[in-house]
Amino acid sequence: MGIEAVEMIAPLVPGAPLCRATAPGSSLDGVEVNFKGGQVGAENYFGVLLEGRVF
């Protein structure tokens, strides 16, 4: 995939920040990713992410 770095860009919810990948020369360069695990976030978690509402 060529990802060299992942930088936090916004605290979407505690424990699951919104991040941006750096992958020079790849179509993934600049893609936003979110790492979520377990019981992190409310029931509307994915709706908040989809709508781009960052708190």
N, C-alpha and C. Protein backbone atom coordinates (compact mmCIF):
# COMPACT_ATOMS: atom_id res chain seq x y z
N MET A 1 0.81 -1.19 0.00
CA MET A 1 0.00 0.00 0.00
C MET A 1 0.86 1.26 0.00
N GLY A 2 2.06 1.18 0.45
CA GLY A 2 2.97 2.32 0.40
C GLY A 2 2.75 3.38 1.46
N ILE A 3 1.98 3.08 2.50
CA ILE A 3 1.73 4.07 3.55
C ILE A 3 2.99 4.24 4.40
N GLU A 4 3.44 5.48 4.50
CA GLU A 4 4.64 5.79 5.28
C GLU A 4 4.31 6.38 6.64
N ALA A 5 3.15 7.02 6.78
CA ALA A 5 2.79 7.65 8.04
C ALA A 5 1.27 7.78 8.14
N VAL A 6 0.80 7.84 9.38
CA VAL A 6 -0.61 8.12 9.66
C VAL A 6 -0.62 9.21 10.72
N GLU A 7 -1.29 10.33 10.40
CA GLU A 7 -1.30 11.49 11.28
C GLU A 7 -2.72 11.75 11.78
N MET A 8 -2.86 11.99 13.08
CA MET A 8 -4.16 12.33 13.64
C MET A 8 -4.55 13.72 13.17
N ILE A 9 -5.79 13.85 12.65
CA ILE A 9 -6.24 15.16 12.18
C ILE A 9 -7.43 15.68 12.98
N ALA A 10 -8.14 14.79 13.71
CA ALA A 10 -9.27 15.25 14.52
C ALA A 10 -9.64 14.19 15.54
N PRO A 11 -10.03 14.62 16.75
CA PRO A 11 -10.46 13.66 17.77
C PRO A 11 -11.94 13.32 17.60
N LEU A 12 -12.24 12.38 16.70
CA LEU A 12 -13.64 12.03 16.41
C LEU A 12 -14.37 11.63 17.68
N VAL A 13 -13.87 10.63 18.38
CA VAL A 13 -14.34 10.26 19.72
C VAL A 13 -13.11 9.79 20.48
N PRO A 14 -13.14 9.86 21.83
CA PRO A 14 -11.98 9.38 22.60
C PRO A 14 -11.64 7.93 22.24
N GLY A 15 -10.39 7.71 21.91
CA GLY A 15 -9.92 6.37 21.58
C GLY A 15 -10.05 5.98 20.13
N ALA A 16 -10.61 6.85 19.29
CA ALA A 16 -10.76 6.54 17.86
C ALA A 16 -10.62 7.83 17.05
N PRO A 17 -9.40 8.34 16.91
CA PRO A 17 -9.22 9.59 16.18
C PRO A 17 -9.35 9.42 14.67
N LEU A 18 -9.71 10.49 14.00
CA LEU A 18 -9.71 10.52 12.55
C LEU A 18 -8.29 10.82 12.11
N CYS A 19 -7.78 10.05 11.16
CA CYS A 19 -6.38 10.18 10.75
C CYS A 19 -6.27 10.33 9.23
N ARG A 20 -5.12 10.79 8.78
CA ARG A 20 -4.83 10.91 7.35
C ARG A 20 -3.55 10.13 7.05
N ALA A 21 -3.61 9.30 6.02
CA ALA A 21 -2.45 8.51 5.62
C ALA A 21 -1.59 9.28 4.63
N THR A 22 -0.29 9.09 4.75
CA THR A 22 0.67 9.64 3.80
C THR A 22 1.29 8.47 3.05
N ALA A 23 1.08 8.47 1.73
CA ALA A 23 1.60 7.39 0.88
C ALA A 23 2.02 7.98 -0.46
N PRO A 24 3.19 8.61 -0.50
CA PRO A 24 3.64 9.26 -1.74
C PRO A 24 3.62 8.31 -2.94
N GLY A 25 3.05 8.79 -4.04
CA GLY A 25 3.00 8.00 -5.26
C GLY A 25 1.91 6.94 -5.28
N SER A 26 1.07 6.92 -4.27
CA SER A 26 0.00 5.92 -4.18
C SER A 26 -1.35 6.61 -4.23
N SER A 27 -2.36 5.90 -4.70
CA SER A 27 -3.71 6.45 -4.71
C SER A 27 -4.25 6.61 -3.28
N LEU A 28 -3.59 6.02 -2.31
CA LEU A 28 -4.00 6.13 -0.91
C LEU A 28 -3.46 7.39 -0.23
N ASP A 29 -2.62 8.14 -0.91
CA ASP A 29 -2.06 9.34 -0.31
C ASP A 29 -3.17 10.32 0.02
N GLY A 30 -3.26 10.71 1.29
CA GLY A 30 -4.26 11.66 1.75
C GLY A 30 -5.58 11.05 2.17
N VAL A 31 -5.71 9.73 2.06
CA VAL A 31 -6.97 9.09 2.46
C VAL A 31 -7.16 9.23 3.97
N GLU A 32 -8.41 9.47 4.37
CA GLU A 32 -8.72 9.58 5.79
C GLU A 32 -9.16 8.22 6.31
N VAL A 33 -8.62 7.83 7.46
CA VAL A 33 -8.94 6.55 8.07
C VAL A 33 -9.28 6.75 9.53
N ASN A 34 -10.01 5.80 10.07
CA ASN A 34 -10.39 5.85 11.47
C ASN A 34 -10.17 4.47 12.06
N PHE A 35 -9.45 4.41 13.15
CA PHE A 35 -9.19 3.15 13.82
C PHE A 35 -10.12 3.02 15.01
N LYS A 36 -11.05 2.09 14.93
CA LYS A 36 -12.05 1.92 15.98
C LYS A 36 -12.00 0.48 16.47
N GLY A 37 -12.08 0.33 17.76
CA GLY A 37 -12.10 -1.01 18.31
C GLY A 37 -13.07 -1.11 19.47
N GLY A 38 -13.60 -2.29 19.69
CA GLY A 38 -14.44 -2.54 20.85
C GLY A 38 -15.66 -1.67 20.95
N GLN A 39 -15.93 -1.22 22.16
CA GLN A 39 -17.13 -0.46 22.46
C GLN A 39 -16.88 1.05 22.41
N VAL A 40 -16.06 1.50 21.51
CA VAL A 40 -15.73 2.92 21.38
C VAL A 40 -16.83 3.65 20.62
N GLY A 41 -17.30 4.76 21.17
CA GLY A 41 -18.27 5.59 20.47
C GLY A 41 -19.71 5.22 20.76
N ALA A 42 -20.60 6.14 20.45
CA ALA A 42 -22.03 5.95 20.66
C ALA A 42 -22.65 5.16 19.51
N GLU A 43 -23.95 4.91 19.60
CA GLU A 43 -24.64 4.14 18.57
C GLU A 43 -24.60 4.83 17.21
N ASN A 44 -24.50 6.16 17.20
CA ASN A 44 -24.47 6.89 15.94
C ASN A 44 -23.04 7.12 15.43
N TYR A 45 -22.09 6.39 15.93
CA TYR A 45 -20.67 6.56 15.61
C TYR A 45 -20.41 6.61 14.11
N PHE A 46 -20.88 5.62 13.38
CA PHE A 46 -20.60 5.56 11.95
C PHE A 46 -21.35 6.65 11.19
N GLY A 47 -22.53 7.05 11.67
CA GLY A 47 -23.25 8.17 11.07
C GLY A 47 -22.49 9.47 11.22
N VAL A 48 -21.91 9.68 12.39
CA VAL A 48 -21.09 10.87 12.64
C VAL A 48 -19.90 10.88 11.70
N LEU A 49 -19.25 9.75 11.55
CA LEU A 49 -18.09 9.63 10.66
C LEU A 49 -18.50 9.87 9.21
N LEU A 50 -19.58 9.27 8.77
CA LEU A 50 -20.06 9.42 7.40
C LEU A 50 -20.43 10.87 7.08
N GLU A 51 -21.06 11.55 8.02
CA GLU A 51 -21.49 12.93 7.81
C GLU A 51 -20.37 13.93 7.99
N GLY A 52 -19.23 13.50 8.51
CA GLY A 52 -18.10 14.39 8.70
C GLY A 52 -18.25 15.34 9.87
N ARG A 53 -19.12 14.98 10.83
CA ARG A 53 -19.29 15.82 12.02
C ARG A 53 -18.23 15.45 13.04
N VAL A 54 -17.26 16.33 13.21
CA VAL A 54 -16.18 16.10 14.16
C VAL A 54 -16.40 17.01 15.35
N PHE A 55 -16.32 16.45 16.55
CA PHE A 55 -16.55 17.22 17.76
C PHE A 55 -15.26 17.76 18.30
